[in-house]
Amino acid sequence: MKRFILCAVFLFACSLAAKGQKEPSDQRAAEDYIRKCEAEWAESVASGDVTALERILADDFVGVDTKGKAYDKAKEIANTREGPKHFTSNHLDEVKIRFYSKTAVAQGSESWVKQNGEHGRFVWTDTWILRDGKWQIVAAEDLSAPPLEEPKR
């Protein structure tokens, strides 16, 4: 009887511990969502479509641009609407995502082409948090970098 009680207590404790752990599929789904959103943000630079930004940037978002100047959500949305005046294309090259509980750090790069034919890359780090059941970016830092290779014409 004593063994039975010990086994029951052990199994109960294990079930509680397992309940508190995140399922790998939850993290995979979050990673897929973040990757998709990062690609949407990259594309918005040339399209001017701010739909994704309105959803993925937290209201208290703050970023640092390639010149070291801080910007908020409203400024990024305004700048994105003006993007097609400057950019013909901007595409996500790569992104690596790491999770720390309810925080994710996404580091990646994008390749862009401006209206004047100039091309280059943005290299960035975005900090995502899970708040009220949705993943949003609360901080970003952007750098300009030379292109990896000449674009094919």
C-alpha atoms as a PDB file:
ATOM      1  CA  MET A   1       0.000   0.000   0.000  1.00  0.00           C
ATOM      2  CA  LYS A   2       2.865   2.350   0.864  1.00  0.00           C
ATOM      3  CA  ARG A   3       4.405   1.739  -2.596  1.00  0.00           C
ATOM      4  CA  PHE A   4       1.100   2.432  -4.272  1.00  0.00           C
ATOM      5  CA  ILE A   5       0.769   5.787  -2.507  1.00  0.00           C
ATOM      6  CA  LEU A   6       4.381   6.718  -3.352  1.00  0.00           C
ATOM      7  CA  CYS A   7       3.806   5.776  -7.009  1.00  0.00           C
ATOM      8  CA  ALA A   8       0.600   7.809  -7.126  1.00  0.00           C
ATOM      9  CA  VAL A   9       2.317  10.861  -5.592  1.00  0.00           C
ATOM     10  CA  PHE A  10       5.247  10.494  -8.025  1.00  0.00           C
ATOM     11  CA  LEU A  11       2.954  10.247 -11.064  1.00  0.00           C
ATOM     12  CA  PHE A  12       0.924  13.234  -9.900  1.00  0.00           C
ATOM     13  CA  ALA A  13       4.109  15.309  -9.438  1.00  0.00           C
ATOM     14  CA  CYS A  14       5.347  14.302 -12.893  1.00  0.00           C
ATOM     15  CA  SER A  15       2.055  15.289 -14.502  1.00  0.00           C
ATOM     16  CA  LEU A  16       2.201  18.730 -12.842  1.00  0.00           C
ATOM     17  CA  ALA A  17       5.786  19.251 -14.008  1.00  0.00           C
ATOM     18  CA  ALA A  18       4.905  18.236 -17.565  1.00  0.00           C
ATOM     19  CA  LYS A  19       1.933  20.609 -17.625  1.00  0.00           C
ATOM     20  CA  GLY A  20       4.170  23.592 -16.913  1.00  0.00           C
ATOM     21  CA  GLN A  21       6.502  22.858 -19.817  1.00  0.00           C
ATOM     22  CA  LYS A  22       5.934  24.300 -23.257  1.00  0.00           C
ATOM     23  CA  GLU A  23       5.298  21.795 -25.974  1.00  0.00           C
ATOM     24  CA  PRO A  24       7.921  21.809 -28.746  1.00  0.00           C
ATOM     25  CA  SER A  25       5.122  22.318 -31.274  1.00  0.00           C
ATOM     26  CA  ASP A  26       4.193  25.618 -29.547  1.00  0.00           C
ATOM     27  CA  GLN A  27       7.740  26.880 -30.013  1.00  0.00           C
ATOM     28  CA  ARG A  28       7.791  25.666 -33.619  1.00  0.00           C
ATOM     29  CA  ALA A  29       4.533  27.502 -34.292  1.00  0.00           C
ATOM     30  CA  ALA A  30       5.919  30.662 -32.655  1.00  0.00           C
ATOM     31  CA  GLU A  31       9.130  30.380 -34.698  1.00  0.00           C
ATOM     32  CA  ASP A  32       7.146  29.959 -37.929  1.00  0.00           C
ATOM     33  CA  TYR A  33       4.985  32.971 -37.036  1.00  0.00           C
ATOM     34  CA  ILE A  34       7.984  35.167 -36.196  1.00  0.00           C
ATOM     35  CA  ARG A  35       9.818  34.129 -39.395  1.00  0.00           C
ATOM     36  CA  LYS A  36       6.686  34.935 -41.476  1.00  0.00           C
ATOM     37  CA  CYS A  37       6.276  38.318 -39.748  1.00  0.00           C
ATOM     38  CA  GLU A  38       9.927  39.241 -40.258  1.00  0.00           C
ATOM     39  CA  ALA A  39       9.512  38.494 -43.987  1.00  0.00           C
ATOM     40  CA  GLU A  40       6.349  40.629 -44.092  1.00  0.00           C
ATOM     41  CA  TRP A  41       8.166  43.540 -42.427  1.00  0.00           C
ATOM     42  CA  ALA A  42      11.012  43.250 -44.924  1.00  0.00           C
ATOM     43  CA  GLU A  43       8.614  43.257 -47.897  1.00  0.00           C
ATOM     44  CA  SER A  44       6.706  46.241 -46.477  1.00  0.00           C
ATOM     45  CA  VAL A  45       9.792  48.457 -46.876  1.00  0.00           C
ATOM     46  CA  ALA A  46       9.255  48.472 -50.650  1.00  0.00           C
ATOM     47  CA  SER A  47       5.494  47.895 -50.794  1.00  0.00           C
ATOM     48  CA  GLY A  48       4.454  50.515 -48.240  1.00  0.00           C
ATOM     49  CA  ASP A  49       1.889  48.077 -46.798  1.00  0.00           C
ATOM     50  CA  VAL A  50       1.763  48.671 -43.033  1.00  0.00           C
ATOM     51  CA  THR A  51      -0.795  45.963 -42.200  1.00  0.00           C
ATOM     52  CA  ALA A  52       1.824  43.610 -40.733  1.00  0.00           C
ATOM     53  CA  LEU A  53       3.558  46.396 -38.792  1.00  0.00           C
ATOM     54  CA  GLU A  54       0.345  47.489 -37.122  1.00  0.00           C
ATOM     55  CA  ARG A  55      -0.072  43.909 -35.875  1.00  0.00           C
ATOM     56  CA  ILE A  56       3.489  42.926 -34.957  1.00  0.00           C
ATOM     57  CA  LEU A  57       4.920  46.111 -33.440  1.00  0.00           C
ATOM     58  CA  ALA A  58       3.906  46.542 -29.804  1.00  0.00           C
ATOM     59  CA  ASP A  59       2.410  49.897 -28.847  1.00  0.00           C
ATOM     60  CA  ASP A  60       5.460  50.511 -26.624  1.00  0.00           C
ATOM     61  CA  PHE A  61       7.898  49.479 -29.395  1.00  0.00           C
ATOM     62  CA  VAL A  62      11.190  51.360 -29.716  1.00  0.00           C
ATOM     63  CA  GLY A  63      13.863  50.880 -32.367  1.00  0.00           C
ATOM     64  CA  VAL A  64      17.252  52.285 -33.298  1.00  0.00           C
ATOM     65  CA  ASP A  65      17.753  53.008 -36.997  1.00  0.00           C
ATOM     66  CA  THR A  66      20.886  52.647 -39.125  1.00  0.00           C
ATOM     67  CA  LYS A  67      21.988  56.166 -38.172  1.00  0.00           C
ATOM     68  CA  GLY A  68      21.592  55.567 -34.430  1.00  0.00           C
ATOM     69  CA  LYS A  69      18.331  57.483 -34.086  1.00  0.00           C
ATOM     70  CA  ALA A  70      15.472  56.109 -31.959  1.00  0.00           C
ATOM     71  CA  TYR A  71      12.043  55.600 -33.495  1.00  0.00           C
ATOM     72  CA  ASP A  72       8.684  54.345 -32.238  1.00  0.00           C
ATOM     73  CA  LYS A  73       5.790  52.418 -33.782  1.00  0.00           C
ATOM     74  CA  ALA A  74       4.089  55.512 -35.239  1.00  0.00           C
ATOM     75  CA  LYS A  75       7.330  56.716 -36.863  1.00  0.00           C
ATOM     76  CA  GLU A  76       8.055  53.275 -38.349  1.00  0.00           C
ATOM     77  CA  ILE A  77       4.557  53.071 -39.814  1.00  0.00           C
ATOM     78  CA  ALA A  78       4.928  56.559 -41.329  1.00  0.00           C
ATOM     79  CA  ASN A  79       8.375  55.711 -42.748  1.00  0.00           C
ATOM     80  CA  THR A  80       7.090  52.449 -44.204  1.00  0.00           C
ATOM     81  CA  ARG A  81       4.266  54.224 -46.029  1.00  0.00           C
ATOM     82  CA  GLU A  82       6.975  56.368 -47.701  1.00  0.00           C
ATOM     83  CA  GLY A  83       9.181  53.355 -48.521  1.00  0.00           C
ATOM     84  CA  PRO A  84       8.089  52.867 -52.148  1.00  0.00           C
ATOM     85  CA  LYS A  85       9.489  56.347 -52.925  1.00  0.00           C
ATOM     86  CA  HIS A  86      12.947  55.041 -52.031  1.00  0.00           C
ATOM     87  CA  PHE A  87      12.989  51.241 -52.459  1.00  0.00           C
ATOM     88  CA  THR A  88      12.105  48.987 -55.387  1.00  0.00           C
ATOM     89  CA  SER A  89      12.595  45.788 -53.382  1.00  0.00           C
ATOM     90  CA  ASN A  90      13.546  44.476 -49.971  1.00  0.00           C
ATOM     91  CA  HIS A  91      13.620  40.758 -49.149  1.00  0.00           C
ATOM     92  CA  LEU A  92      14.437  38.716 -46.060  1.00  0.00           C
ATOM     93  CA  ASP A  93      17.704  36.806 -46.527  1.00  0.00           C
ATOM     94  CA  GLU A  94      17.923  34.941 -43.259  1.00  0.00           C
ATOM     95  CA  VAL A  95      16.733  34.974 -39.682  1.00  0.00           C
ATOM     96  CA  LYS A  96      17.845  33.036 -36.629  1.00  0.00           C
ATOM     97  CA  ILE A  97      15.381  32.879 -33.741  1.00  0.00           C
ATOM     98  CA  ARG A  98      16.201  31.970 -30.140  1.00  0.00           C
ATOM     99  CA  PHE A  99      13.671  31.591 -27.349  1.00  0.00           C
ATOM    100  CA  TYR A 100      13.989  32.519 -23.679  1.00  0.00           C
ATOM    101  CA  SER A 101      10.655  31.626 -22.095  1.00  0.00           C
ATOM    102  CA  LYS A 102       8.211  34.321 -23.246  1.00  0.00           C
ATOM    103  CA  THR A 103      10.912  36.254 -25.099  1.00  0.00           C
ATOM    104  CA  ALA A 104      12.412  35.586 -28.517  1.00  0.00           C
ATOM    105  CA  VAL A 105      15.427  37.225 -30.133  1.00  0.00           C
ATOM    106  CA  ALA A 106      15.398  37.297 -33.932  1.00  0.00           C
ATOM    107  CA  GLN A 107      18.613  38.203 -35.746  1.00  0.00           C
ATOM    108  CA  GLY A 108      18.679  38.443 -39.509  1.00  0.00           C
ATOM    109  CA  SER A 109      19.376  40.320 -42.678  1.00  0.00           C
ATOM    110  CA  GLU A 110      17.535  41.688 -45.707  1.00  0.00           C
ATOM    111  CA  SER A 111      18.719  42.663 -49.186  1.00  0.00           C
ATOM    112  CA  TRP A 112      17.357  45.854 -50.713  1.00  0.00           C
ATOM    113  CA  VAL A 113      17.455  47.802 -53.964  1.00  0.00           C
ATOM    114  CA  LYS A 114      16.710  51.516 -54.050  1.00  0.00           C
ATOM    115  CA  GLN A 115      14.991  53.449 -56.829  1.00  0.00           C
ATOM    116  CA  ASN A 116      18.387  54.855 -57.907  1.00  0.00           C
ATOM    117  CA  GLY A 117      19.809  51.335 -58.407  1.00  0.00           C
ATOM    118  CA  GLU A 118      21.874  51.318 -55.206  1.00  0.00           C
ATOM    119  CA  HIS A 119      21.717  48.033 -53.331  1.00  0.00           C
ATOM    120  CA  GLY A 120      22.722  46.847 -49.880  1.00  0.00           C
ATOM    121  CA  ARG A 121      21.551  45.011 -46.788  1.00  0.00           C
ATOM    122  CA  PHE A 122      19.971  45.671 -43.456  1.00  0.00           C
ATOM    123  CA  VAL A 123      21.289  43.556 -40.583  1.00  0.00           C
ATOM    124  CA  TRP A 124      19.125  43.644 -37.479  1.00  0.00           C
ATOM    125  CA  THR A 125      18.111  42.260 -34.110  1.00  0.00           C
ATOM    126  CA  ASP A 126      14.466  42.250 -33.031  1.00  0.00           C
ATOM    127  CA  THR A 127      13.253  41.414 -29.526  1.00  0.00           C
ATOM    128  CA  TRP A 128       9.849  39.704 -29.415  1.00  0.00           C
ATOM    129  CA  ILE A 129       7.728  39.056 -26.337  1.00  0.00           C
ATOM    130  CA  LEU A 130       4.642  36.953 -25.796  1.00  0.00           C
ATOM    131  CA  ARG A 131       2.114  39.320 -24.240  1.00  0.00           C
ATOM    132  CA  ASP A 132      -1.625  38.710 -23.856  1.00  0.00           C
ATOM    133  CA  GLY A 133      -1.329  35.594 -26.009  1.00  0.00           C
ATOM    134  CA  LYS A 134       0.376  37.214 -28.996  1.00  0.00           C
ATOM    135  CA  TRP A 135       3.966  37.653 -30.107  1.00  0.00           C
ATOM    136  CA  GLN A 136       5.027  41.264 -30.751  1.00  0.00           C
ATOM    137  CA  ILE A 137       8.262  43.156 -31.287  1.00  0.00           C
ATOM    138  CA  VAL A 138       9.165  45.517 -28.445  1.00  0.00           C
ATOM    139  CA  ALA A 139      12.662  46.526 -29.580  1.00  0.00           C
ATOM    140  CA  ALA A 140      14.721  46.588 -32.784  1.00  0.00           C
ATOM    141  CA  GLU A 141      18.209  47.643 -33.799  1.00  0.00           C
ATOM    142  CA  ASP A 142      19.154  48.068 -37.449  1.00  0.00           C
ATOM    143  CA  LEU A 143      22.493  48.350 -39.231  1.00  0.00           C
ATOM    144  CA  SER A 144      23.371  49.012 -42.870  1.00  0.00           C
ATOM    145  CA  ALA A 145      25.767  46.582 -44.516  1.00  0.00           C
ATOM    146  CA  PRO A 146      27.151  46.110 -48.004  1.00  0.00           C
ATOM    147  CA  PRO A 147      25.479  43.531 -50.234  1.00  0.00           C
ATOM    148  CA  LEU A 148      26.778  39.965 -50.039  1.00  0.00           C
ATOM    149  CA  GLU A 149      27.196  39.836 -53.800  1.00  0.00           C
ATOM    150  CA  GLU A 150      26.268  41.842 -56.854  1.00  0.00           C
ATOM    151  CA  PRO A 151      22.634  41.367 -57.845  1.00  0.00           C
ATOM    152  CA  LYS A 152      22.028  39.486 -61.078  1.00  0.00           C
ATOM    153  CA  ARG A 153      20.768  41.785 -63.823  1.00  0.00           C
END
